[in-house]
Amino acid sequence: MKNNMYSEDDLLMLSALQHLLFCPRQCALIHVEQLWTENRLTAEGRILHERVHTAARESRRKIKVEFDMPIRSLQLGLIGRADVVEFRLQEDGIWQPFPVEYKRGRPKKDDSDRVQLCAQAMCLEEMLGKEVAEGALYYGQKKRRVGVEFDQDLRNTVRQAALDLHNLFDAGKTPPPVYSRRCESCSFIETCLPKTAGKKGKVRNYMNRMTSS
């Protein structure tokens, strides 16, 4: 990276930010090792996004809607696609972008969804040269939108997450498993085997004691 800008060849998938915040190991398995496993939750999410992405472009008098819009940021080193970007006509005649990200479930306790949406907004700002102050997350289970304000704290979190993501790729190593309750809903639980974390060392120590006695 030179002059705080990444090259086109260095861009990473924006969607990886959410994987990173959920679990760095999961992120590395998907984006570094190129593995993928699917369960009911990921299948439902994939189907929801496919429906959104195949929708036709909409246009109303004061709102134009773009589906599956390509976005990127050379400052963050990210590239991806926004589910929906609404362009809303302001009183001054300017079309203001308003990103909307679709999620199958319900609002999360962590900031991963908000970080992903804010990263999309920062991409749009860089591409279009105008501030994007807010957007929304649409949750399928609740069938409602949740507004998100892109304040400075959230933007700083996005910048740090993007940097952490590039560091993960540059290291080229998959972090070791760490078990938590969230592992039970992860489609990688049979591949990752988080409950075995630390057991190899215990087995090795046991064998050493047995052979030395």
N, C-alpha and C. Protein backbone atom coordinates (compact mmCIF):
# COMPACT_ATOMS: atom_id res chain seq x y z
N MET A 1 0.85 -1.19 0.00
CA MET A 1 0.00 0.00 0.00
C MET A 1 0.88 1.24 0.00
N LYS A 2 0.59 2.20 -0.83
CA LYS A 2 1.36 3.42 -0.93
C LYS A 2 0.42 4.62 -0.80
N ASN A 3 0.90 5.64 -0.06
CA ASN A 3 0.12 6.85 0.12
C ASN A 3 -1.28 6.54 0.66
N ASN A 4 -1.33 5.57 1.59
CA ASN A 4 -2.59 5.20 2.24
C ASN A 4 -3.64 4.70 1.26
N MET A 5 -3.21 4.20 0.11
CA MET A 5 -4.14 3.68 -0.88
C MET A 5 -3.70 2.28 -1.30
N TYR A 6 -4.65 1.38 -1.41
CA TYR A 6 -4.37 0.04 -1.90
C TYR A 6 -4.48 0.01 -3.42
N SER A 7 -3.82 -0.94 -4.03
CA SER A 7 -3.95 -1.12 -5.47
C SER A 7 -5.14 -2.02 -5.76
N GLU A 8 -5.56 -2.08 -7.01
CA GLU A 8 -6.68 -2.94 -7.41
C GLU A 8 -6.39 -4.40 -7.07
N ASP A 9 -5.15 -4.80 -7.19
CA ASP A 9 -4.79 -6.20 -6.93
C ASP A 9 -4.84 -6.56 -5.45
N ASP A 10 -4.84 -5.54 -4.58
CA ASP A 10 -4.82 -5.78 -3.14
C ASP A 10 -6.21 -5.78 -2.50
N LEU A 11 -7.26 -5.54 -3.29
CA LEU A 11 -8.60 -5.41 -2.72
C LEU A 11 -9.11 -6.75 -2.20
N LEU A 12 -9.72 -6.73 -1.02
CA LEU A 12 -10.30 -7.92 -0.40
C LEU A 12 -11.82 -7.78 -0.35
N MET A 13 -12.50 -8.91 -0.22
CA MET A 13 -13.96 -8.90 -0.22
C MET A 13 -14.50 -8.18 1.02
N LEU A 14 -15.36 -7.23 0.79
CA LEU A 14 -15.96 -6.47 1.88
C LEU A 14 -16.73 -7.38 2.84
N SER A 15 -17.37 -8.40 2.30
CA SER A 15 -18.16 -9.32 3.13
C SER A 15 -17.30 -10.05 4.17
N ALA A 16 -15.98 -10.09 3.93
CA ALA A 16 -15.09 -10.78 4.86
C ALA A 16 -15.00 -10.04 6.19
N LEU A 17 -15.35 -8.76 6.23
CA LEU A 17 -15.30 -8.01 7.48
C LEU A 17 -16.22 -8.65 8.52
N GLN A 18 -17.42 -9.01 8.08
CA GLN A 18 -18.37 -9.61 9.01
C GLN A 18 -17.88 -10.97 9.49
N HIS A 19 -17.30 -11.75 8.59
CA HIS A 19 -16.72 -13.03 8.99
C HIS A 19 -15.60 -12.83 10.00
N LEU A 20 -14.77 -11.82 9.78
CA LEU A 20 -13.65 -11.54 10.67
C LEU A 20 -14.14 -11.19 12.07
N LEU A 21 -15.17 -10.34 12.14
CA LEU A 21 -15.67 -9.90 13.45
C LEU A 21 -16.41 -11.03 14.16
N PHE A 22 -17.02 -11.93 13.39
CA PHE A 22 -17.68 -13.08 14.00
C PHE A 22 -16.65 -14.06 14.54
N CYS A 23 -15.62 -14.34 13.71
CA CYS A 23 -14.58 -15.29 14.13
C CYS A 23 -13.42 -15.21 13.13
N PRO A 24 -12.23 -14.78 13.56
CA PRO A 24 -11.09 -14.71 12.65
C PRO A 24 -10.76 -16.05 11.99
N ARG A 25 -10.95 -17.15 12.73
CA ARG A 25 -10.67 -18.47 12.15
C ARG A 25 -11.66 -18.77 11.01
N GLN A 26 -12.94 -18.49 11.24
CA GLN A 26 -13.92 -18.70 10.17
C GLN A 26 -13.57 -17.86 8.94
N CYS A 27 -13.16 -16.62 9.18
CA CYS A 27 -12.79 -15.73 8.08
C CYS A 27 -11.63 -16.32 7.28
N ALA A 28 -10.62 -16.83 7.97
CA ALA A 28 -9.47 -17.41 7.27
C ALA A 28 -9.84 -18.68 6.52
N LEU A 29 -10.70 -19.51 7.12
CA LEU A 29 -11.12 -20.73 6.44
C LEU A 29 -11.84 -20.41 5.12
N ILE A 30 -12.67 -19.37 5.14
CA ILE A 30 -13.43 -19.00 3.94
C ILE A 30 -12.57 -18.28 2.92
N HIS A 31 -11.86 -17.25 3.39
CA HIS A 31 -11.23 -16.32 2.45
C HIS A 31 -9.75 -16.60 2.19
N VAL A 32 -9.07 -17.29 3.07
CA VAL A 32 -7.67 -17.64 2.85
C VAL A 32 -7.56 -19.07 2.33
N GLU A 33 -8.23 -20.01 3.01
CA GLU A 33 -8.16 -21.42 2.59
C GLU A 33 -9.20 -21.77 1.53
N GLN A 34 -10.12 -20.81 1.25
CA GLN A 34 -11.14 -21.01 0.20
C GLN A 34 -12.03 -22.23 0.48
N LEU A 35 -12.44 -22.39 1.74
CA LEU A 35 -13.35 -23.47 2.12
C LEU A 35 -14.75 -22.91 2.31
N TRP A 36 -15.75 -23.76 2.14
CA TRP A 36 -17.13 -23.32 2.41
C TRP A 36 -17.98 -24.53 2.76
N THR A 37 -18.72 -24.40 3.84
CA THR A 37 -19.72 -25.39 4.20
C THR A 37 -21.02 -24.65 4.49
N GLU A 38 -22.13 -25.30 4.24
CA GLU A 38 -23.42 -24.63 4.36
C GLU A 38 -24.33 -25.37 5.31
N ASN A 39 -25.07 -24.64 6.12
CA ASN A 39 -26.12 -25.21 6.94
C ASN A 39 -27.43 -24.48 6.63
N ARG A 40 -28.45 -24.75 7.41
CA ARG A 40 -29.76 -24.14 7.12
C ARG A 40 -29.70 -22.62 7.17
N LEU A 41 -28.96 -22.07 8.12
CA LEU A 41 -28.90 -20.63 8.28
C LEU A 41 -28.20 -19.96 7.10
N THR A 42 -27.07 -20.52 6.67
CA THR A 42 -26.36 -19.92 5.54
C THR A 42 -27.16 -20.09 4.25
N ALA A 43 -27.88 -21.20 4.11
CA ALA A 43 -28.70 -21.42 2.92
C ALA A 43 -29.83 -20.40 2.84
N GLU A 44 -30.48 -20.15 3.98
CA GLU A 44 -31.55 -19.16 4.00
C GLU A 44 -31.02 -17.77 3.68
N GLY A 45 -29.85 -17.43 4.20
CA GLY A 45 -29.24 -16.14 3.91
C GLY A 45 -28.86 -16.01 2.45
N ARG A 46 -28.32 -17.08 1.88
CA ARG A 46 -27.95 -17.05 0.46
C ARG A 46 -29.17 -16.85 -0.43
N ILE A 47 -30.25 -17.56 -0.12
CA ILE A 47 -31.48 -17.45 -0.93
C ILE A 47 -32.05 -16.03 -0.83
N LEU A 48 -32.02 -15.46 0.36
CA LEU A 48 -32.52 -14.10 0.53
C LEU A 48 -31.73 -13.12 -0.32
N HIS A 49 -30.40 -13.23 -0.31
CA HIS A 49 -29.58 -12.32 -1.10
C HIS A 49 -29.78 -12.53 -2.59
N GLU A 50 -29.96 -13.78 -3.01
CA GLU A 50 -30.19 -14.04 -4.42
C GLU A 50 -31.48 -13.39 -4.90
N ARG A 51 -32.50 -13.41 -4.07
CA ARG A 51 -33.76 -12.76 -4.43
C ARG A 51 -33.59 -11.26 -4.57
N VAL A 52 -32.84 -10.68 -3.65
CA VAL A 52 -32.61 -9.24 -3.70
C VAL A 52 -31.78 -8.87 -4.92
N HIS A 53 -30.72 -9.63 -5.19
CA HIS A 53 -29.80 -9.29 -6.26
C HIS A 53 -30.40 -9.45 -7.65
N THR A 54 -31.42 -10.30 -7.78
CA THR A 54 -32.02 -10.50 -9.10
C THR A 54 -33.22 -9.59 -9.33
N ALA A 55 -33.53 -8.73 -8.38
CA ALA A 55 -34.66 -7.81 -8.56
C ALA A 55 -34.32 -6.78 -9.64
N ALA A 56 -35.33 -6.35 -10.35
CA ALA A 56 -35.13 -5.35 -11.41
C ALA A 56 -34.90 -3.97 -10.80
N ARG A 57 -34.21 -3.10 -11.53
CA ARG A 57 -33.99 -1.74 -11.08
C ARG A 57 -35.31 -1.01 -10.92
N GLU A 58 -35.46 -0.31 -9.81
CA GLU A 58 -36.69 0.43 -9.57
C GLU A 58 -36.44 1.92 -9.66
N SER A 59 -37.47 2.66 -10.03
CA SER A 59 -37.37 4.11 -10.10
C SER A 59 -38.73 4.72 -9.79
N ARG A 60 -38.74 5.54 -8.76
CA ARG A 60 -39.94 6.30 -8.45
C ARG A 60 -39.60 7.78 -8.56
N ARG A 61 -40.56 8.60 -8.34
CA ARG A 61 -40.35 10.03 -8.62
C ARG A 61 -39.21 10.61 -7.79
N LYS A 62 -39.11 10.23 -6.53
CA LYS A 62 -38.07 10.80 -5.68
C LYS A 62 -37.10 9.76 -5.16
N ILE A 63 -37.22 8.51 -5.62
CA ILE A 63 -36.28 7.46 -5.19
C ILE A 63 -35.92 6.58 -6.39
N LYS A 64 -34.63 6.40 -6.60
CA LYS A 64 -34.13 5.44 -7.57
C LYS A 64 -33.41 4.33 -6.80
N VAL A 65 -33.68 3.08 -7.17
CA VAL A 65 -33.13 1.96 -6.42
C VAL A 65 -32.22 1.12 -7.30
N GLU A 66 -30.99 0.90 -6.84
CA GLU A 66 -30.04 0.03 -7.52
C GLU A 66 -29.85 -1.23 -6.69
N PHE A 67 -29.97 -2.41 -7.32
CA PHE A 67 -29.78 -3.68 -6.65
C PHE A 67 -28.42 -4.28 -7.02
N ASP A 68 -27.79 -4.95 -6.06
CA ASP A 68 -26.52 -5.64 -6.32
C ASP A 68 -25.50 -4.71 -6.96
N MET A 69 -25.30 -3.56 -6.36
CA MET A 69 -24.45 -2.51 -6.92
C MET A 69 -22.98 -2.76 -6.59
N PRO A 70 -22.10 -2.80 -7.60
CA PRO A 70 -20.66 -2.98 -7.34
C PRO A 70 -20.09 -1.77 -6.60
N ILE A 71 -19.29 -2.02 -5.57
CA ILE A 71 -18.69 -0.95 -4.79
C ILE A 71 -17.24 -1.32 -4.47
N ARG A 72 -16.43 -0.30 -4.15
CA ARG A 72 -15.04 -0.55 -3.78
C ARG A 72 -14.48 0.66 -3.07
N SER A 73 -13.39 0.46 -2.34
CA SER A 73 -12.66 1.55 -1.70
C SER A 73 -11.18 1.22 -1.75
N LEU A 74 -10.40 2.09 -2.38
CA LEU A 74 -8.95 1.92 -2.41
C LEU A 74 -8.33 2.33 -1.08
N GLN A 75 -9.03 3.18 -0.32
CA GLN A 75 -8.53 3.58 0.99
C GLN A 75 -8.64 2.43 2.00
N LEU A 76 -9.76 1.72 1.95
CA LEU A 76 -9.96 0.59 2.85
C LEU A 76 -9.39 -0.71 2.29
N GLY A 77 -9.20 -0.75 0.97
CA GLY A 77 -8.73 -1.97 0.34
C GLY A 77 -9.80 -3.02 0.25
N LEU A 78 -11.04 -2.58 -0.04
CA LEU A 78 -12.18 -3.49 -0.05
C LEU A 78 -12.95 -3.38 -1.37
N ILE A 79 -13.57 -4.49 -1.75
CA ILE A 79 -14.42 -4.52 -2.94
C ILE A 79 -15.59 -5.46 -2.65
N GLY A 80 -16.73 -5.17 -3.24
CA GLY A 80 -17.89 -6.02 -3.01
C GLY A 80 -19.10 -5.52 -3.76
N ARG A 81 -20.28 -5.88 -3.26
CA ARG A 81 -21.53 -5.48 -3.87
C ARG A 81 -22.51 -5.12 -2.75
N ALA A 82 -23.23 -4.03 -2.95
CA ALA A 82 -24.25 -3.62 -2.00
C ALA A 82 -25.58 -4.23 -2.40
N ASP A 83 -26.30 -4.82 -1.45
CA ASP A 83 -27.60 -5.41 -1.76
C ASP A 83 -28.51 -4.40 -2.43
N VAL A 84 -28.70 -3.26 -1.78
CA VAL A 84 -29.59 -2.21 -2.29
C VAL A 84 -28.98 -0.86 -1.96
N VAL A 85 -29.00 0.04 -2.93
CA VAL A 85 -28.65 1.44 -2.68
C VAL A 85 -29.82 2.28 -3.20
N GLU A 86 -30.48 2.97 -2.29
CA GLU A 86 -31.55 3.88 -2.67
C GLU A 86 -30.95 5.27 -2.89
N PHE A 87 -31.25 5.87 -3.99
CA PHE A 87 -30.84 7.25 -4.26
C PHE A 87 -32.06 8.14 -4.07
N ARG A 88 -32.02 8.95 -3.03
CA ARG A 88 -33.17 9.76 -2.64
C ARG A 88 -32.97 11.21 -3.07
N LEU A 89 -33.95 11.74 -3.78
CA LEU A 89 -33.86 13.11 -4.29
C LEU A 89 -34.04 14.11 -3.16
N GLN A 90 -33.03 14.96 -2.97
CA GLN A 90 -33.10 15.98 -1.93
C GLN A 90 -33.69 17.28 -2.47
N GLU A 91 -34.00 18.20 -1.58
CA GLU A 91 -34.61 19.47 -2.00
C GLU A 91 -33.68 20.30 -2.87
N ASP A 92 -32.36 20.08 -2.72
CA ASP A 92 -31.40 20.83 -3.55
C ASP A 92 -31.16 20.16 -4.90
N GLY A 93 -31.92 19.08 -5.19
CA GLY A 93 -31.79 18.41 -6.48
C GLY A 93 -30.73 17.34 -6.54
N ILE A 94 -30.05 17.07 -5.43
CA ILE A 94 -28.99 16.06 -5.38
C ILE A 94 -29.58 14.72 -4.95
N TRP A 95 -29.12 13.65 -5.60
CA TRP A 95 -29.55 12.30 -5.26
C TRP A 95 -28.65 11.75 -4.17
N GLN A 96 -29.21 11.54 -2.99
CA GLN A 96 -28.45 11.09 -1.82
C GLN A 96 -28.49 9.57 -1.70
N PRO A 97 -27.31 8.90 -1.71
CA PRO A 97 -27.30 7.44 -1.57
C PRO A 97 -27.63 6.99 -0.15
N PHE A 98 -28.37 5.89 -0.06
CA PHE A 98 -28.81 5.32 1.21
C PHE A 98 -28.71 3.81 1.09
N PRO A 99 -27.62 3.20 1.62
CA PRO A 99 -27.44 1.74 1.47
C PRO A 99 -28.34 0.94 2.40
N VAL A 100 -28.81 -0.20 1.89
CA VAL A 100 -29.65 -1.10 2.68
C VAL A 100 -29.09 -2.52 2.52
N GLU A 101 -28.75 -3.15 3.63
CA GLU A 101 -28.21 -4.51 3.62
C GLU A 101 -29.27 -5.47 4.17
N TYR A 102 -29.48 -6.59 3.48
CA TYR A 102 -30.48 -7.57 3.88
C TYR A 102 -29.85 -8.70 4.69
N LYS A 103 -30.48 -9.05 5.82
CA LYS A 103 -30.03 -10.14 6.68
C LYS A 103 -31.21 -11.07 6.96
N ARG A 104 -30.94 -12.37 7.00
CA ARG A 104 -32.01 -13.34 7.16
C ARG A 104 -32.58 -13.37 8.58
N GLY A 105 -31.75 -13.09 9.57
CA GLY A 105 -32.16 -13.31 10.96
C GLY A 105 -32.72 -12.08 11.65
N ARG A 106 -32.16 -11.79 12.80
CA ARG A 106 -32.59 -10.67 13.61
C ARG A 106 -31.37 -9.86 14.03
N PRO A 107 -31.56 -8.65 14.57
CA PRO A 107 -30.40 -7.84 14.96
C PRO A 107 -29.45 -8.58 15.89
N LYS A 108 -28.15 -8.43 15.64
CA LYS A 108 -27.13 -9.12 16.42
C LYS A 108 -26.71 -8.27 17.63
N LYS A 109 -26.12 -8.96 18.61
CA LYS A 109 -25.62 -8.25 19.79
C LYS A 109 -24.32 -7.52 19.48
N ASP A 110 -23.55 -8.03 18.50
CA ASP A 110 -22.29 -7.38 18.15
C ASP A 110 -22.51 -6.37 17.03
N ASP A 111 -21.43 -5.74 16.59
CA ASP A 111 -21.50 -4.67 15.58
C ASP A 111 -21.21 -5.15 14.17
N SER A 112 -21.14 -6.47 13.93
CA SER A 112 -20.68 -6.96 12.63
C SER A 112 -21.57 -6.50 11.47
N ASP A 113 -22.89 -6.51 11.66
CA ASP A 113 -23.79 -6.06 10.59
C ASP A 113 -23.61 -4.57 10.33
N ARG A 114 -23.51 -3.79 11.40
CA ARG A 114 -23.36 -2.34 11.26
C ARG A 114 -22.02 -2.00 10.61
N VAL A 115 -20.98 -2.74 10.94
CA VAL A 115 -19.67 -2.51 10.33
C VAL A 115 -19.72 -2.80 8.84
N GLN A 116 -20.36 -3.89 8.44
CA GLN A 116 -20.47 -4.22 7.02
C GLN A 116 -21.21 -3.12 6.26
N LEU A 117 -22.32 -2.64 6.82
CA LEU A 117 -23.09 -1.60 6.17
C LEU A 117 -22.32 -0.29 6.10
N CYS A 118 -21.64 0.06 7.18
CA CYS A 118 -20.85 1.30 7.19
C CYS A 118 -19.71 1.23 6.18
N ALA A 119 -19.10 0.05 6.03
CA ALA A 119 -18.05 -0.11 5.02
C ALA A 119 -18.61 0.13 3.62
N GLN A 120 -19.83 -0.33 3.37
CA GLN A 120 -20.47 -0.05 2.08
C GLN A 120 -20.65 1.44 1.89
N ALA A 121 -21.08 2.13 2.94
CA ALA A 121 -21.27 3.57 2.86
C ALA A 121 -19.96 4.29 2.56
N MET A 122 -18.88 3.85 3.19
CA MET A 122 -17.59 4.48 2.96
C MET A 122 -17.08 4.23 1.55
N CYS A 123 -17.42 3.07 1.00
CA CYS A 123 -17.10 2.81 -0.42
C CYS A 123 -17.88 3.77 -1.32
N LEU A 124 -19.16 3.94 -1.03
CA LEU A 124 -19.99 4.84 -1.84
C LEU A 124 -19.48 6.28 -1.75
N GLU A 125 -19.06 6.68 -0.56
CA GLU A 125 -18.52 8.04 -0.40
C GLU A 125 -17.29 8.25 -1.28
N GLU A 126 -16.41 7.28 -1.30
CA GLU A 126 -15.20 7.39 -2.11
C GLU A 126 -15.52 7.37 -3.60
N MET A 127 -16.48 6.56 -3.99
CA MET A 127 -16.84 6.43 -5.40
C MET A 127 -17.61 7.64 -5.92
N LEU A 128 -18.52 8.15 -5.09
CA LEU A 128 -19.44 9.19 -5.55
C LEU A 128 -19.04 10.59 -5.10
N GLY A 129 -18.10 10.68 -4.16
CA GLY A 129 -17.65 11.99 -3.71
C GLY A 129 -18.66 12.76 -2.90
N LYS A 130 -19.53 12.04 -2.16
CA LYS A 130 -20.50 12.71 -1.30
C LYS A 130 -20.69 11.91 -0.02
N GLU A 131 -21.00 12.63 1.05
CA GLU A 131 -21.14 11.98 2.35
C GLU A 131 -22.37 11.09 2.41
N VAL A 132 -22.21 9.94 3.03
CA VAL A 132 -23.33 9.04 3.29
C VAL A 132 -23.43 8.90 4.80
N ALA A 133 -24.42 9.55 5.37
CA ALA A 133 -24.51 9.66 6.83
C ALA A 133 -25.28 8.53 7.48
N GLU A 134 -26.14 7.84 6.71
CA GLU A 134 -26.97 6.81 7.33
C GLU A 134 -27.41 5.78 6.30
N GLY A 135 -27.86 4.64 6.80
CA GLY A 135 -28.38 3.56 5.97
C GLY A 135 -29.30 2.71 6.83
N ALA A 136 -29.56 1.48 6.38
CA ALA A 136 -30.47 0.62 7.13
C ALA A 136 -30.13 -0.85 6.92
N LEU A 137 -30.43 -1.65 7.93
CA LEU A 137 -30.34 -3.10 7.88
C LEU A 137 -31.75 -3.66 7.88
N TYR A 138 -32.05 -4.53 6.91
CA TYR A 138 -33.36 -5.17 6.86
C TYR A 138 -33.22 -6.61 7.35
N TYR A 139 -33.97 -6.95 8.40
CA TYR A 139 -33.90 -8.29 8.98
C TYR A 139 -35.13 -9.10 8.60
N GLY A 140 -34.87 -10.27 7.99
CA GLY A 140 -35.95 -11.09 7.46
C GLY A 140 -36.89 -11.63 8.51
N GLN A 141 -36.36 -12.04 9.68
CA GLN A 141 -37.23 -12.59 10.72
C GLN A 141 -38.17 -11.54 11.28
N LYS A 142 -37.68 -10.33 11.43
CA LYS A 142 -38.51 -9.24 11.95
C LYS A 142 -39.28 -8.52 10.86
N LYS A 143 -38.81 -8.70 9.61
CA LYS A 143 -39.43 -8.04 8.46
C LYS A 143 -39.53 -6.52 8.69
N ARG A 144 -38.43 -5.96 9.11
CA ARG A 144 -38.39 -4.51 9.31
C ARG A 144 -36.96 -3.99 9.16
N ARG A 145 -36.87 -2.71 8.94
CA ARG A 145 -35.57 -2.05 8.82
C ARG A 145 -35.13 -1.50 10.17
N VAL A 146 -33.82 -1.52 10.36
CA VAL A 146 -33.20 -0.89 11.52
C VAL A 146 -32.24 0.16 11.00
N GLY A 147 -32.48 1.42 11.34
CA GLY A 147 -31.63 2.50 10.86
C GLY A 147 -30.25 2.46 11.50
N VAL A 148 -29.24 2.85 10.73
CA VAL A 148 -27.86 2.88 11.22
C VAL A 148 -27.24 4.23 10.88
N GLU A 149 -26.72 4.90 11.89
CA GLU A 149 -26.01 6.16 11.69
C GLU A 149 -24.52 5.87 11.63
N PHE A 150 -23.87 6.40 10.61
CA PHE A 150 -22.44 6.13 10.41
C PHE A 150 -21.61 7.19 11.13
N ASP A 151 -21.53 7.05 12.47
CA ASP A 151 -20.80 8.03 13.26
C ASP A 151 -19.30 7.72 13.21
N GLN A 152 -18.51 8.57 13.85
CA GLN A 152 -17.06 8.45 13.76
C GLN A 152 -16.56 7.18 14.43
N ASP A 153 -17.18 6.79 15.53
CA ASP A 153 -16.75 5.56 16.21
C ASP A 153 -16.94 4.34 15.32
N LEU A 154 -18.07 4.27 14.63
CA LEU A 154 -18.33 3.14 13.75
C LEU A 154 -17.37 3.15 12.57
N ARG A 155 -17.09 4.32 12.03
CA ARG A 155 -16.15 4.44 10.92
C ARG A 155 -14.75 4.00 11.35
N ASN A 156 -14.34 4.35 12.55
CA ASN A 156 -13.03 3.93 13.05
C ASN A 156 -12.97 2.41 13.21
N THR A 157 -14.09 1.83 13.64
CA THR A 157 -14.15 0.37 13.76
C THR A 157 -14.00 -0.29 12.39
N VAL A 158 -14.61 0.30 11.37
CA VAL A 158 -14.49 -0.21 10.01
C VAL A 158 -13.04 -0.15 9.55
N ARG A 159 -12.39 0.97 9.78
CA ARG A 159 -10.99 1.13 9.35
C ARG A 159 -10.09 0.11 10.03
N GLN A 160 -10.30 -0.11 11.33
CA GLN A 160 -9.47 -1.07 12.05
C GLN A 160 -9.75 -2.49 11.57
N ALA A 161 -11.04 -2.80 11.33
CA ALA A 161 -11.39 -4.14 10.85
C ALA A 161 -10.79 -4.40 9.48
N ALA A 162 -10.82 -3.40 8.61
CA ALA A 162 -10.24 -3.55 7.28
C ALA A 162 -8.73 -3.78 7.38
N LEU A 163 -8.07 -3.07 8.27
CA LEU A 163 -6.63 -3.26 8.48
C LEU A 163 -6.34 -4.65 9.03
N ASP A 164 -7.15 -5.08 10.00
CA ASP A 164 -6.98 -6.43 10.58
C ASP A 164 -7.19 -7.50 9.51
N LEU A 165 -8.13 -7.26 8.62
CA LEU A 165 -8.39 -8.23 7.54
C LEU A 165 -7.19 -8.35 6.63
N HIS A 166 -6.59 -7.23 6.24
CA HIS A 166 -5.40 -7.27 5.38
C HIS A 166 -4.23 -7.93 6.11
N ASN A 167 -4.10 -7.67 7.40
CA ASN A 167 -3.02 -8.31 8.17
C ASN A 167 -3.22 -9.83 8.23
N LEU A 168 -4.48 -10.27 8.34
CA LEU A 168 -4.78 -11.70 8.35
C LEU A 168 -4.37 -12.35 7.04
N PHE A 169 -4.69 -11.69 5.93
CA PHE A 169 -4.32 -12.21 4.61
C PHE A 169 -2.81 -12.19 4.42
N ASP A 170 -2.17 -11.12 4.85
CA ASP A 170 -0.72 -11.01 4.68
C ASP A 170 0.01 -12.10 5.49
N ALA A 171 -0.53 -12.43 6.66
CA ALA A 171 0.09 -13.47 7.48
C ALA A 171 -0.06 -14.84 6.82
N GLY A 172 -1.19 -15.04 6.12
CA GLY A 172 -1.41 -16.30 5.41
C GLY A 172 -1.58 -17.51 6.32
N LYS A 173 -1.94 -17.27 7.59
CA LYS A 173 -2.11 -18.36 8.55
C LYS A 173 -3.52 -18.34 9.12
N THR A 174 -4.08 -19.53 9.29
CA THR A 174 -5.40 -19.64 9.89
C THR A 174 -5.27 -19.69 11.41
N PRO A 175 -5.93 -18.79 12.13
CA PRO A 175 -5.85 -18.80 13.60
C PRO A 175 -6.35 -20.12 14.18
N PRO A 176 -5.86 -20.50 15.34
CA PRO A 176 -6.32 -21.74 15.97
C PRO A 176 -7.76 -21.61 16.45
N PRO A 177 -8.46 -22.74 16.65
CA PRO A 177 -9.85 -22.69 17.09
C PRO A 177 -9.98 -22.25 18.55
N VAL A 178 -11.02 -21.49 18.82
CA VAL A 178 -11.36 -21.09 20.18
C VAL A 178 -12.86 -21.30 20.32
N TYR A 179 -13.25 -22.20 21.21
CA TYR A 179 -14.68 -22.54 21.32
C TYR A 179 -15.46 -21.50 22.12
N SER A 180 -16.67 -21.17 21.60
CA SER A 180 -17.62 -20.35 22.33
C SER A 180 -19.02 -20.80 21.91
N ARG A 181 -20.04 -20.27 22.55
CA ARG A 181 -21.42 -20.69 22.26
C ARG A 181 -21.80 -20.42 20.81
N ARG A 182 -21.25 -19.37 20.22
CA ARG A 182 -21.60 -19.03 18.84
C ARG A 182 -21.14 -20.11 17.85
N CYS A 183 -20.19 -20.93 18.26
CA CYS A 183 -19.71 -22.01 17.38
C CYS A 183 -20.84 -22.97 17.00
N GLU A 184 -21.83 -23.14 17.88
CA GLU A 184 -22.88 -24.12 17.64
C GLU A 184 -23.75 -23.76 16.43
N SER A 185 -23.82 -22.48 16.07
CA SER A 185 -24.61 -22.07 14.91
C SER A 185 -23.76 -21.88 13.66
N CYS A 186 -22.45 -22.12 13.77
CA CYS A 186 -21.54 -21.91 12.64
C CYS A 186 -21.53 -23.14 11.73
N SER A 187 -21.60 -22.91 10.44
CA SER A 187 -21.61 -24.01 9.47
C SER A 187 -20.28 -24.75 9.41
N PHE A 188 -19.23 -24.16 10.00
CA PHE A 188 -17.90 -24.76 9.95
C PHE A 188 -17.57 -25.61 11.18
N ILE A 189 -18.54 -25.84 12.06
CA ILE A 189 -18.22 -26.49 13.33
C ILE A 189 -17.61 -27.88 13.13
N GLU A 190 -18.03 -28.62 12.08
CA GLU A 190 -17.47 -29.95 11.84
C GLU A 190 -16.11 -29.88 11.15
N THR A 191 -15.83 -28.77 10.48
CA THR A 191 -14.53 -28.58 9.83
C THR A 191 -13.53 -27.96 10.79
N CYS A 192 -14.00 -27.00 11.55
CA CYS A 192 -13.15 -26.26 12.48
C CYS A 192 -12.79 -27.08 13.71
N LEU A 193 -13.76 -27.87 14.21
CA LEU A 193 -13.59 -28.68 15.42
C LEU A 193 -13.09 -27.84 16.61
N PRO A 194 -13.84 -26.80 16.97
CA PRO A 194 -13.36 -25.90 18.03
C PRO A 194 -13.27 -26.56 19.40
N LYS A 195 -14.06 -27.61 19.64
CA LYS A 195 -14.03 -28.25 20.96
C LYS A 195 -12.75 -29.06 21.18
N THR A 196 -11.98 -29.27 20.11
CA THR A 196 -10.71 -29.99 20.25
C THR A 196 -9.56 -29.06 20.59
N ALA A 197 -9.84 -27.76 20.69
CA ALA A 197 -8.78 -26.79 20.95
C ALA A 197 -8.05 -27.12 22.25
N GLY A 198 -6.75 -27.25 22.15
CA GLY A 198 -5.91 -27.52 23.31
C GLY A 198 -5.77 -28.99 23.66
N LYS A 199 -6.59 -29.86 23.05
CA LYS A 199 -6.53 -31.28 23.43
C LYS A 199 -5.27 -31.97 22.91
N LYS A 200 -4.76 -31.51 21.75
CA LYS A 200 -3.57 -32.15 21.21
C LYS A 200 -2.39 -32.04 22.17
N GLY A 201 -2.28 -30.86 22.80
CA GLY A 201 -1.20 -30.67 23.75
C GLY A 201 -1.35 -31.56 24.97
N LYS A 202 -2.59 -31.73 25.45
CA LYS A 202 -2.84 -32.58 26.60
C LYS A 202 -2.50 -34.04 26.29
N VAL A 203 -2.88 -34.50 25.10
CA VAL A 203 -2.58 -35.86 24.70
C VAL A 203 -1.07 -36.07 24.62
N ARG A 204 -0.38 -35.09 24.02
CA ARG A 204 1.07 -35.22 23.87
C ARG A 204 1.75 -35.28 25.24
N ASN A 205 1.30 -34.44 26.18
CA ASN A 205 1.89 -34.45 27.52
C ASN A 205 1.63 -35.79 28.22
N TYR A 206 0.43 -36.34 28.03
CA TYR A 206 0.09 -37.63 28.63
C TYR A 206 0.99 -38.73 28.08
N MET A 207 1.20 -38.72 26.77
CA MET A 207 2.05 -39.73 26.15
C MET A 207 3.49 -39.61 26.62
N ASN A 208 3.95 -38.39 26.78
CA ASN A 208 5.31 -38.18 27.26
C ASN A 208 5.50 -38.73 28.66
N ARG A 209 4.46 -38.50 29.51
CA ARG A 209 4.56 -39.01 30.89
C ARG A 209 4.56 -40.53 30.90
N MET A 210 3.74 -41.14 30.04
CA MET A 210 3.63 -42.60 30.02
C MET A 210 4.93 -43.25 29.52
N THR A 211 5.54 -42.67 28.51
CA THR A 211 6.74 -43.28 27.93
C THR A 211 7.97 -43.02 28.78
N SER A 212 7.92 -42.00 29.63
CA SER A 212 9.08 -41.69 30.46
C SER A 212 9.04 -42.39 31.82
N SER A 213 7.93 -43.02 32.16
CA SER A 213 7.78 -43.68 33.45
C SER A 213 8.34 -45.11 33.42
